[in-house]
């Protein structure tokens, strides 16, 4: 299936890491985003 992200924050993403020592896997489909697709940020 298709995951569509319609967010408007240029500093954010459809999929984000928000903890250290974490992992996030997205598989087998489509991602359509108006933001970043993926992001590993640091806190403010």
ModelCIF file with pLDDT and N, C-alpha, C, O atoms, coordinates in Angstrom:
data_MODEL
#
_entry.id   MODEL 
#
_entity.id                         1 
_entity.type                       polymer 
_entity.pdbx_number_of_molecules   1 
#
_entity_poly.entity_id                      1 
_entity_poly.type                           'polypeptide(L)' 
_entity_poly.nstd_linkage                   no 
_entity_poly.nstd_monomer                   no 
_entity_poly.pdbx_seq_one_letter_code       
;(UNK)(UNK)(UNK)(UNK)(UNK)(UNK)(UNK)(UNK)(UNK)(UNK)(UNK)(UNK)(UNK)(UNK)(UNK)(UNK)
(UNK)(UNK)(UNK)(UNK)(UNK)(UNK)(UNK)(UNK)(UNK)(UNK)(UNK)(UNK)(UNK)(UNK)(UNK)(UNK)
(UNK)(UNK)(UNK)(UNK)(UNK)(UNK)(UNK)(UNK)(UNK)(UNK)(UNK)(UNK)
;
_entity_poly.pdbx_seq_one_letter_code_can   XXXXXXXXXXXXXXXXXXXXXXXXXXXXXXXXXXXXXXXXXXXX 
_entity_poly.pdbx_strand_id                 A 
#
loop_
_entity_poly_seq.entity_id 
_entity_poly_seq.num 
_entity_poly_seq.mon_id 
_entity_poly_seq.hetero 
1 1  UNK n 
1 2  UNK n 
1 3  UNK n 
1 4  UNK n 
1 5  UNK n 
1 6  UNK n 
1 7  UNK n 
1 8  UNK n 
1 9  UNK n 
1 10 UNK n 
1 11 UNK n 
1 12 UNK n 
1 13 UNK n 
1 14 UNK n 
1 15 UNK n 
1 16 UNK n 
1 17 UNK n 
1 18 UNK n 
1 19 UNK n 
1 20 UNK n 
1 21 UNK n 
1 22 UNK n 
1 23 UNK n 
1 24 UNK n 
1 25 UNK n 
1 26 UNK n 
1 27 UNK n 
1 28 UNK n 
1 29 UNK n 
1 30 UNK n 
1 31 UNK n 
1 32 UNK n 
1 33 UNK n 
1 34 UNK n 
1 35 UNK n 
1 36 UNK n 
1 37 UNK n 
1 38 UNK n 
1 39 UNK n 
1 40 UNK n 
1 41 UNK n 
1 42 UNK n 
1 43 UNK n 
1 44 UNK n 
#
_struct_asym.id          A 
_struct_asym.entity_id   1 
#
loop_
_ma_qa_metric.id 
_ma_qa_metric.mode 
_ma_qa_metric.name 
_ma_qa_metric.software_group_id 
_ma_qa_metric.type 
1 global pLDDT . pLDDT 
2 local  pLDDT . pLDDT 
#
_ma_qa_metric_global.metric_id      1 
_ma_qa_metric_global.metric_value   93.25 
_ma_qa_metric_global.model_id       1 
_ma_qa_metric_global.ordinal_id     1 
#
loop_
_ma_qa_metric_local.label_asym_id 
_ma_qa_metric_local.label_comp_id 
_ma_qa_metric_local.label_seq_id 
_ma_qa_metric_local.metric_id 
_ma_qa_metric_local.metric_value 
_ma_qa_metric_local.model_id 
_ma_qa_metric_local.ordinal_id 
A UNK 1  2 97.00 1 1  
A UNK 2  2 97.00 1 2  
A UNK 3  2 97.00 1 3  
A UNK 4  2 96.00 1 4  
A UNK 5  2 96.00 1 5  
A UNK 6  2 94.00 1 6  
A UNK 7  2 92.00 1 7  
A UNK 8  2 91.00 1 8  
A UNK 9  2 91.00 1 9  
A UNK 10 2 89.00 1 10 
A UNK 11 2 89.00 1 11 
A UNK 12 2 93.00 1 12 
A UNK 13 2 96.00 1 13 
A UNK 14 2 97.00 1 14 
A UNK 15 2 97.00 1 15 
A UNK 16 2 96.00 1 16 
A UNK 17 2 94.00 1 17 
A UNK 18 2 92.00 1 18 
A UNK 19 2 92.00 1 19 
A UNK 20 2 92.00 1 20 
A UNK 21 2 94.00 1 21 
A UNK 22 2 94.00 1 22 
A UNK 23 2 96.00 1 23 
A UNK 24 2 97.00 1 24 
A UNK 25 2 98.00 1 25 
A UNK 26 2 98.00 1 26 
A UNK 27 2 98.00 1 27 
A UNK 28 2 98.00 1 28 
A UNK 29 2 98.00 1 29 
A UNK 30 2 98.00 1 30 
A UNK 31 2 98.00 1 31 
A UNK 32 2 97.00 1 32 
A UNK 33 2 97.00 1 33 
A UNK 34 2 96.00 1 34 
A UNK 35 2 95.00 1 35 
A UNK 36 2 96.00 1 36 
A UNK 37 2 97.00 1 37 
A UNK 38 2 96.00 1 38 
A UNK 39 2 92.00 1 39 
A UNK 40 2 92.00 1 40 
A UNK 41 2 90.00 1 41 
A UNK 42 2 80.00 1 42 
A UNK 43 2 70.00 1 43 
A UNK 44 2 60.00 1 44 
#
loop_
_atom_site.group_PDB 
_atom_site.id 
_atom_site.type_symbol 
_atom_site.label_atom_id 
_atom_site.label_alt_id 
_atom_site.label_comp_id 
_atom_site.label_asym_id 
_atom_site.label_entity_id 
_atom_site.label_seq_id 
_atom_site.pdbx_PDB_ins_code 
_atom_site.Cartn_x 
_atom_site.Cartn_y 
_atom_site.Cartn_z 
_atom_site.occupancy 
_atom_site.B_iso_or_equiv 
_atom_site.pdbx_formal_charge 
_atom_site.auth_seq_id 
_atom_site.auth_comp_id 
_atom_site.auth_asym_id 
_atom_site.auth_atom_id 
_atom_site.pdbx_PDB_model_num 
ATOM 1   N N  . UNK A 1 1  ? 0.828  -1.206 0.000  1.00 97.00 ? 1  UNK A N  1 
ATOM 2   C CA . UNK A 1 1  ? 0.000  0.000  0.000  1.00 97.00 ? 1  UNK A CA 1 
ATOM 3   C C  . UNK A 1 1  ? 0.867  1.263  0.000  1.00 97.00 ? 1  UNK A C  1 
ATOM 4   O O  . UNK A 1 1  ? 2.095  1.194  0.057  1.00 97.00 ? 1  UNK A O  1 
ATOM 5   N N  . UNK A 1 2  ? 0.193  2.421  -0.065 1.00 97.00 ? 2  UNK A N  1 
ATOM 6   C CA . UNK A 1 2  ? 0.885  3.710  -0.129 1.00 97.00 ? 2  UNK A CA 1 
ATOM 7   C C  . UNK A 1 2  ? 0.668  4.498  1.147  1.00 97.00 ? 2  UNK A C  1 
ATOM 8   O O  . UNK A 1 2  ? -0.459 4.682  1.606  1.00 97.00 ? 2  UNK A O  1 
ATOM 9   N N  . UNK A 1 3  ? 1.776  4.959  1.709  1.00 97.00 ? 3  UNK A N  1 
ATOM 10  C CA . UNK A 1 3  ? 1.756  5.827  2.896  1.00 97.00 ? 3  UNK A CA 1 
ATOM 11  C C  . UNK A 1 3  ? 1.988  7.249  2.405  1.00 97.00 ? 3  UNK A C  1 
ATOM 12  O O  . UNK A 1 3  ? 3.056  7.549  1.872  1.00 97.00 ? 3  UNK A O  1 
ATOM 13  N N  . UNK A 1 4  ? 1.003  8.132  2.576  1.00 96.00 ? 4  UNK A N  1 
ATOM 14  C CA . UNK A 1 4  ? 1.100  9.515  2.116  1.00 96.00 ? 4  UNK A CA 1 
ATOM 15  C C  . UNK A 1 4  ? 1.205  10.446 3.310  1.00 96.00 ? 4  UNK A C  1 
ATOM 16  O O  . UNK A 1 4  ? 0.348  10.438 4.193  1.00 96.00 ? 4  UNK A O  1 
ATOM 17  N N  . UNK A 1 5  ? 2.263  11.248 3.332  1.00 96.00 ? 5  UNK A N  1 
ATOM 18  C CA . UNK A 1 5  ? 2.457  12.222 4.405  1.00 96.00 ? 5  UNK A CA 1 
ATOM 19  C C  . UNK A 1 5  ? 2.217  13.620 3.848  1.00 96.00 ? 5  UNK A C  1 
ATOM 20  O O  . UNK A 1 5  ? 2.862  14.025 2.881  1.00 96.00 ? 5  UNK A O  1 
ATOM 21  N N  . UNK A 1 6  ? 1.296  14.353 4.452  1.00 94.00 ? 6  UNK A N  1 
ATOM 22  C CA . UNK A 1 6  ? 0.919  15.677 3.954  1.00 94.00 ? 6  UNK A CA 1 
ATOM 23  C C  . UNK A 1 6  ? 1.395  16.793 4.873  1.00 94.00 ? 6  UNK A C  1 
ATOM 24  O O  . UNK A 1 6  ? 0.901  17.917 4.782  1.00 94.00 ? 6  UNK A O  1 
ATOM 25  N N  . UNK A 1 7  ? 2.357  16.500 5.767  1.00 92.00 ? 7  UNK A N  1 
ATOM 26  C CA . UNK A 1 7  ? 2.846  17.497 6.706  1.00 92.00 ? 7  UNK A CA 1 
ATOM 27  C C  . UNK A 1 7  ? 3.501  18.673 6.011  1.00 92.00 ? 7  UNK A C  1 
ATOM 28  O O  . UNK A 1 7  ? 3.940  18.561 4.866  1.00 92.00 ? 7  UNK A O  1 
ATOM 29  N N  . UNK A 1 8  ? 3.568  19.809 6.707  1.00 91.00 ? 8  UNK A N  1 
ATOM 30  C CA . UNK A 1 8  ? 4.110  21.040 6.111  1.00 91.00 ? 8  UNK A CA 1 
ATOM 31  C C  . UNK A 1 8  ? 5.359  21.547 6.814  1.00 91.00 ? 8  UNK A C  1 
ATOM 32  O O  . UNK A 1 8  ? 5.890  22.591 6.434  1.00 91.00 ? 8  UNK A O  1 
ATOM 33  N N  . UNK A 1 9  ? 5.845  20.835 7.833  1.00 91.00 ? 9  UNK A N  1 
ATOM 34  C CA . UNK A 1 9  ? 7.041  21.250 8.556  1.00 91.00 ? 9  UNK A CA 1 
ATOM 35  C C  . UNK A 1 9  ? 8.279  20.815 7.789  1.00 91.00 ? 9  UNK A C  1 
ATOM 36  O O  . UNK A 1 9  ? 8.546  19.621 7.650  1.00 91.00 ? 9  UNK A O  1 
ATOM 37  N N  . UNK A 1 10 ? 9.038  21.793 7.290  1.00 89.00 ? 10 UNK A N  1 
ATOM 38  C CA . UNK A 1 10 ? 10.221 21.484 6.473  1.00 89.00 ? 10 UNK A CA 1 
ATOM 39  C C  . UNK A 1 10 ? 11.313 20.796 7.278  1.00 89.00 ? 10 UNK A C  1 
ATOM 40  O O  . UNK A 1 10 ? 12.219 20.200 6.694  1.00 89.00 ? 10 UNK A O  1 
ATOM 41  N N  . UNK A 1 11 ? 11.249 20.863 8.603  1.00 89.00 ? 11 UNK A N  1 
ATOM 42  C CA . UNK A 1 11 ? 12.260 20.255 9.458  1.00 89.00 ? 11 UNK A CA 1 
ATOM 43  C C  . UNK A 1 11 ? 11.827 18.909 10.017 1.00 89.00 ? 11 UNK A C  1 
ATOM 44  O O  . UNK A 1 11 ? 12.435 18.399 10.958 1.00 89.00 ? 11 UNK A O  1 
ATOM 45  N N  . UNK A 1 12 ? 10.787 18.338 9.444  1.00 93.00 ? 12 UNK A N  1 
ATOM 46  C CA . UNK A 1 12 ? 10.279 17.058 9.924  1.00 93.00 ? 12 UNK A CA 1 
ATOM 47  C C  . UNK A 1 12 ? 10.153 16.094 8.758  1.00 93.00 ? 12 UNK A C  1 
ATOM 48  O O  . UNK A 1 12 ? 10.404 16.462 7.610  1.00 93.00 ? 12 UNK A O  1 
ATOM 49  N N  . UNK A 1 13 ? 9.765  14.859 9.051  1.00 96.00 ? 13 UNK A N  1 
ATOM 50  C CA . UNK A 1 13 ? 9.753  13.815 8.031  1.00 96.00 ? 13 UNK A CA 1 
ATOM 51  C C  . UNK A 1 13 ? 8.572  12.886 8.227  1.00 96.00 ? 13 UNK A C  1 
ATOM 52  O O  . UNK A 1 13 ? 7.921  12.889 9.272  1.00 96.00 ? 13 UNK A O  1 
ATOM 53  N N  . UNK A 1 14 ? 8.310  12.093 7.203  1.00 97.00 ? 14 UNK A N  1 
ATOM 54  C CA . UNK A 1 14 ? 7.270  11.075 7.321  1.00 97.00 ? 14 UNK A CA 1 
ATOM 55  C C  . UNK A 1 14 ? 7.644  10.051 8.385  1.00 97.00 ? 14 UNK A C  1 
ATOM 56  O O  . UNK A 1 14 ? 6.792  9.605  9.154  1.00 97.00 ? 14 UNK A O  1 
ATOM 57  N N  . UNK A 1 15 ? 8.946  9.672  8.426  1.00 97.00 ? 15 UNK A N  1 
ATOM 58  C CA . UNK A 1 15 ? 9.435  8.690  9.396  1.00 97.00 ? 15 UNK A CA 1 
ATOM 59  C C  . UNK A 1 15 ? 10.671 9.247  10.088 1.00 97.00 ? 15 UNK A C  1 
ATOM 60  O O  . UNK A 1 15 ? 11.609 9.695  9.428  1.00 97.00 ? 15 UNK A O  1 
ATOM 61  N N  . UNK A 1 16 ? 10.672 9.218  11.425 1.00 96.00 ? 16 UNK A N  1 
ATOM 62  C CA . UNK A 1 16 ? 11.769 9.826  12.180 1.00 96.00 ? 16 UNK A CA 1 
ATOM 63  C C  . UNK A 1 16 ? 12.240 8.934  13.321 1.00 96.00 ? 16 UNK A C  1 
ATOM 64  O O  . UNK A 1 16 ? 11.450 8.227  13.945 1.00 96.00 ? 16 UNK A O  1 
ATOM 65  N N  . UNK A 1 17 ? 13.539 8.983  13.579 1.00 94.00 ? 17 UNK A N  1 
ATOM 66  C CA . UNK A 1 17 ? 14.106 8.457  14.811 1.00 94.00 ? 17 UNK A CA 1 
ATOM 67  C C  . UNK A 1 17 ? 13.941 9.527  15.891 1.00 94.00 ? 17 UNK A C  1 
ATOM 68  O O  . UNK A 1 17 ? 14.214 10.702 15.642 1.00 94.00 ? 17 UNK A O  1 
ATOM 69  N N  . UNK A 1 18 ? 13.500 9.137  17.076 1.00 92.00 ? 18 UNK A N  1 
ATOM 70  C CA . UNK A 1 18 ? 13.379 10.130 18.155 1.00 92.00 ? 18 UNK A CA 1 
ATOM 71  C C  . UNK A 1 18 ? 13.960 9.632  19.478 1.00 92.00 ? 18 UNK A C  1 
ATOM 72  O O  . UNK A 1 18 ? 13.640 10.159 20.543 1.00 92.00 ? 18 UNK A O  1 
ATOM 73  N N  . UNK A 1 19 ? 14.825 8.604  19.400 1.00 92.00 ? 19 UNK A N  1 
ATOM 74  C CA . UNK A 1 19 ? 15.561 8.130  20.571 1.00 92.00 ? 19 UNK A CA 1 
ATOM 75  C C  . UNK A 1 19 ? 16.933 7.627  20.113 1.00 92.00 ? 19 UNK A C  1 
ATOM 76  O O  . UNK A 1 19 ? 17.073 7.215  18.961 1.00 92.00 ? 19 UNK A O  1 
ATOM 77  N N  . UNK A 1 20 ? 17.948 7.649  20.981 1.00 92.00 ? 20 UNK A N  1 
ATOM 78  C CA . UNK A 1 20 ? 19.216 7.000  20.646 1.00 92.00 ? 20 UNK A CA 1 
ATOM 79  C C  . UNK A 1 20 ? 19.058 5.479  20.699 1.00 92.00 ? 20 UNK A C  1 
ATOM 80  O O  . UNK A 1 20 ? 18.136 4.961  21.329 1.00 92.00 ? 20 UNK A O  1 
ATOM 81  N N  . UNK A 1 21 ? 19.969 4.775  20.031 1.00 94.00 ? 21 UNK A N  1 
ATOM 82  C CA . UNK A 1 21 ? 19.980 3.307  20.031 1.00 94.00 ? 21 UNK A CA 1 
ATOM 83  C C  . UNK A 1 21 ? 18.654 2.731  19.524 1.00 94.00 ? 21 UNK A C  1 
ATOM 84  O O  . UNK A 1 21 ? 18.214 1.672  19.973 1.00 94.00 ? 21 UNK A O  1 
ATOM 85  N N  . UNK A 1 22 ? 18.033 3.434  18.597 1.00 94.00 ? 22 UNK A N  1 
ATOM 86  C CA . UNK A 1 22 ? 16.731 3.017  18.075 1.00 94.00 ? 22 UNK A CA 1 
ATOM 87  C C  . UNK A 1 22 ? 16.856 2.568  16.628 1.00 94.00 ? 22 UNK A C  1 
ATOM 88  O O  . UNK A 1 22 ? 17.829 2.887  15.946 1.00 94.00 ? 22 UNK A O  1 
ATOM 89  N N  . UNK A 1 23 ? 15.849 1.817  16.167 1.00 96.00 ? 23 UNK A N  1 
ATOM 90  C CA . UNK A 1 23 ? 15.809 1.426  14.756 1.00 96.00 ? 23 UNK A CA 1 
ATOM 91  C C  . UNK A 1 23 ? 14.376 1.478  14.258 1.00 96.00 ? 23 UNK A C  1 
ATOM 92  O O  . UNK A 1 23 ? 13.431 1.125  14.963 1.00 96.00 ? 23 UNK A O  1 
ATOM 93  N N  . UNK A 1 24 ? 14.248 1.932  13.019 1.00 97.00 ? 24 UNK A N  1 
ATOM 94  C CA . UNK A 1 24 ? 12.943 2.016  12.370 1.00 97.00 ? 24 UNK A CA 1 
ATOM 95  C C  . UNK A 1 24 ? 13.088 1.525  10.947 1.00 97.00 ? 24 UNK A C  1 
ATOM 96  O O  . UNK A 1 24 ? 13.863 2.079  10.167 1.00 97.00 ? 24 UNK A O  1 
ATOM 97  N N  . UNK A 1 25 ? 12.342 0.484  10.606 1.00 98.00 ? 25 UNK A N  1 
ATOM 98  C CA . UNK A 1 25 ? 12.374 -0.103 9.267  1.00 98.00 ? 25 UNK A CA 1 
ATOM 99  C C  . UNK A 1 25 ? 11.015 0.040  8.609  1.00 98.00 ? 25 UNK A C  1 
ATOM 100 O O  . UNK A 1 25 ? 9.992  -0.302 9.202  1.00 98.00 ? 25 UNK A O  1 
ATOM 101 N N  . UNK A 1 26 ? 11.004 0.551  7.373  1.00 98.00 ? 26 UNK A N  1 
ATOM 102 C CA . UNK A 1 26 ? 9.796  0.667  6.566  1.00 98.00 ? 26 UNK A CA 1 
ATOM 103 C C  . UNK A 1 26 ? 10.015 -0.173 5.314  1.00 98.00 ? 26 UNK A C  1 
ATOM 104 O O  . UNK A 1 26 ? 11.049 -0.041 4.659  1.00 98.00 ? 26 UNK A O  1 
ATOM 105 N N  . UNK A 1 27 ? 9.051  -1.043 4.966  1.00 98.00 ? 27 UNK A N  1 
ATOM 106 C CA . UNK A 1 27 ? 9.304  -1.954 3.854  1.00 98.00 ? 27 UNK A CA 1 
ATOM 107 C C  . UNK A 1 27 ? 8.035  -2.243 3.046  1.00 98.00 ? 27 UNK A C  1 
ATOM 108 O O  . UNK A 1 27 ? 6.910  -2.089 3.522  1.00 98.00 ? 27 UNK A O  1 
ATOM 109 N N  . UNK A 1 28 ? 8.273  -2.672 1.793  1.00 98.00 ? 28 UNK A N  1 
ATOM 110 C CA . UNK A 1 28 ? 7.252  -3.277 0.932  1.00 98.00 ? 28 UNK A CA 1 
ATOM 111 C C  . UNK A 1 28 ? 6.084  -2.365 0.565  1.00 98.00 ? 28 UNK A C  1 
ATOM 112 O O  . UNK A 1 28 ? 4.929  -2.690 0.838  1.00 98.00 ? 28 UNK A O  1 
ATOM 113 N N  . UNK A 1 29 ? 6.388  -1.218 -0.055 1.00 98.00 ? 29 UNK A N  1 
ATOM 114 C CA . UNK A 1 29 ? 5.304  -0.361 -0.505 1.00 98.00 ? 29 UNK A CA 1 
ATOM 115 C C  . UNK A 1 29 ? 5.802  0.978  -0.986 1.00 98.00 ? 29 UNK A C  1 
ATOM 116 O O  . UNK A 1 29 ? 6.975  1.124  -1.327 1.00 98.00 ? 29 UNK A O  1 
ATOM 117 N N  . UNK A 1 30 ? 4.905  1.972  -1.018 1.00 98.00 ? 30 UNK A N  1 
ATOM 118 C CA . UNK A 1 30 ? 5.243  3.311  -1.498 1.00 98.00 ? 30 UNK A CA 1 
ATOM 119 C C  . UNK A 1 30 ? 5.102  4.330  -0.372 1.00 98.00 ? 30 UNK A C  1 
ATOM 120 O O  . UNK A 1 30 ? 4.246  4.207  0.505  1.00 98.00 ? 30 UNK A O  1 
ATOM 121 N N  . UNK A 1 31 ? 5.970  5.340  -0.426 1.00 98.00 ? 31 UNK A N  1 
ATOM 122 C CA . UNK A 1 31 ? 5.879  6.474  0.484  1.00 98.00 ? 31 UNK A CA 1 
ATOM 123 C C  . UNK A 1 31 ? 5.880  7.742  -0.364 1.00 98.00 ? 31 UNK A C  1 
ATOM 124 O O  . UNK A 1 31 ? 6.788  7.962  -1.166 1.00 98.00 ? 31 UNK A O  1 
ATOM 125 N N  . UNK A 1 32 ? 4.866  8.564  -0.181 1.00 97.00 ? 32 UNK A N  1 
ATOM 126 C CA . UNK A 1 32 ? 4.765  9.841  -0.884 1.00 97.00 ? 32 UNK A CA 1 
ATOM 127 C C  . UNK A 1 32 ? 4.674  10.922 0.180  1.00 97.00 ? 32 UNK A C  1 
ATOM 128 O O  . UNK A 1 32 ? 3.777  10.889 1.022  1.00 97.00 ? 32 UNK A O  1 
ATOM 129 N N  . UNK A 1 33 ? 5.603  11.890 0.150  1.00 97.00 ? 33 UNK A N  1 
ATOM 130 C CA . UNK A 1 33 ? 5.666  12.855 1.237  1.00 97.00 ? 33 UNK A CA 1 
ATOM 131 C C  . UNK A 1 33 ? 5.887  14.273 0.727  1.00 97.00 ? 33 UNK A C  1 
ATOM 132 O O  . UNK A 1 33 ? 6.592  14.495 -0.256 1.00 97.00 ? 33 UNK A O  1 
ATOM 133 N N  . UNK A 1 34 ? 5.265  15.227 1.420  1.00 96.00 ? 34 UNK A N  1 
ATOM 134 C CA . UNK A 1 34 ? 5.541  16.638 1.169  1.00 96.00 ? 34 UNK A CA 1 
ATOM 135 C C  . UNK A 1 34 ? 6.647  17.136 2.093  1.00 96.00 ? 34 UNK A C  1 
ATOM 136 O O  . UNK A 1 34 ? 7.144  18.249 1.924  1.00 96.00 ? 34 UNK A O  1 
ATOM 137 N N  . UNK A 1 35 ? 7.031  16.319 3.065  1.00 95.00 ? 35 UNK A N  1 
ATOM 138 C CA . UNK A 1 35 ? 8.168  16.592 3.941  1.00 95.00 ? 35 UNK A CA 1 
ATOM 139 C C  . UNK A 1 35 ? 9.323  15.671 3.540  1.00 95.00 ? 35 UNK A C  1 
ATOM 140 O O  . UNK A 1 35 ? 9.274  15.021 2.496  1.00 95.00 ? 35 UNK A O  1 
ATOM 141 N N  . UNK A 1 36 ? 10.357 15.621 4.376  1.00 96.00 ? 36 UNK A N  1 
ATOM 142 C CA . UNK A 1 36 ? 11.391 14.612 4.197  1.00 96.00 ? 36 UNK A CA 1 
ATOM 143 C C  . UNK A 1 36 ? 10.770 13.226 4.262  1.00 96.00 ? 36 UNK A C  1 
ATOM 144 O O  . UNK A 1 36 ? 9.713  13.040 4.865  1.00 96.00 ? 36 UNK A O  1 
ATOM 145 N N  . UNK A 1 37 ? 11.428 12.255 3.641  1.00 97.00 ? 37 UNK A N  1 
ATOM 146 C CA . UNK A 1 37 ? 10.993 10.872 3.775  1.00 97.00 ? 37 UNK A CA 1 
ATOM 147 C C  . UNK A 1 37 ? 11.425 10.321 5.128  1.00 97.00 ? 37 UNK A C  1 
ATOM 148 O O  . UNK A 1 37 ? 10.627 9.729  5.854  1.00 97.00 ? 37 UNK A O  1 
ATOM 149 N N  . UNK A 1 38 ? 12.715 10.526 5.461  1.00 96.00 ? 38 UNK A N  1 
ATOM 150 C CA . UNK A 1 38 ? 13.243 10.011 6.712  1.00 96.00 ? 38 UNK A CA 1 
ATOM 151 C C  . UNK A 1 38 ? 14.184 11.010 7.368  1.00 96.00 ? 38 UNK A C  1 
ATOM 152 O O  . UNK A 1 38 ? 14.801 11.830 6.689  1.00 96.00 ? 38 UNK A O  1 
ATOM 153 N N  . UNK A 1 39 ? 14.294 10.937 8.706  1.00 92.00 ? 39 UNK A N  1 
ATOM 154 C CA . UNK A 1 39 ? 15.120 11.888 9.434  1.00 92.00 ? 39 UNK A CA 1 
ATOM 155 C C  . UNK A 1 39 ? 15.639 11.262 10.726 1.00 92.00 ? 39 UNK A C  1 
ATOM 156 O O  . UNK A 1 39 ? 14.885 10.650 11.481 1.00 92.00 ? 39 UNK A O  1 
ATOM 157 N N  . UNK A 1 40 ? 16.961 11.428 10.970 1.00 92.00 ? 40 UNK A N  1 
ATOM 158 C CA . UNK A 1 40 ? 17.541 11.151 12.287 1.00 92.00 ? 40 UNK A CA 1 
ATOM 159 C C  . UNK A 1 40 ? 18.046 12.488 12.807 1.00 92.00 ? 40 UNK A C  1 
ATOM 160 O O  . UNK A 1 40 ? 19.168 12.883 12.488 1.00 92.00 ? 40 UNK A O  1 
ATOM 161 N N  . UNK A 1 41 ? 17.248 13.192 13.597 1.00 90.00 ? 41 UNK A N  1 
ATOM 162 C CA . UNK A 1 41 ? 17.620 14.535 14.057 1.00 90.00 ? 41 UNK A CA 1 
ATOM 163 C C  . UNK A 1 41 ? 18.379 14.452 15.372 1.00 90.00 ? 41 UNK A C  1 
ATOM 164 O O  . UNK A 1 41 ? 18.733 13.361 15.820 1.00 90.00 ? 41 UNK A O  1 
ATOM 165 N N  . UNK A 1 42 ? 18.626 15.581 15.980 1.00 80.00 ? 42 UNK A N  1 
ATOM 166 C CA . UNK A 1 42 ? 18.976 15.646 17.393 1.00 80.00 ? 42 UNK A CA 1 
ATOM 167 C C  . UNK A 1 42 ? 17.983 16.594 18.026 1.00 80.00 ? 42 UNK A C  1 
ATOM 168 O O  . UNK A 1 42 ? 17.319 17.365 17.334 1.00 80.00 ? 42 UNK A O  1 
ATOM 169 N N  . UNK A 1 43 ? 17.882 16.536 19.344 1.00 70.00 ? 43 UNK A N  1 
ATOM 170 C CA . UNK A 1 43 ? 16.902 17.378 20.018 1.00 70.00 ? 43 UNK A CA 1 
ATOM 171 C C  . UNK A 1 43 ? 17.249 18.840 19.836 1.00 70.00 ? 43 UNK A C  1 
ATOM 172 O O  . UNK A 1 43 ? 18.374 19.184 19.474 1.00 70.00 ? 43 UNK A O  1 
ATOM 173 N N  . UNK A 1 44 ? 16.275 19.696 20.088 1.00 60.00 ? 44 UNK A N  1 
ATOM 174 C CA . UNK A 1 44 ? 16.445 21.129 19.878 1.00 60.00 ? 44 UNK A CA 1 
ATOM 175 C C  . UNK A 1 44 ? 17.697 21.645 20.582 1.00 60.00 ? 44 UNK A C  1 
ATOM 176 O O  . UNK A 1 44 ? 17.998 22.837 20.511 1.00 60.00 ? 44 UNK A O  1 
#
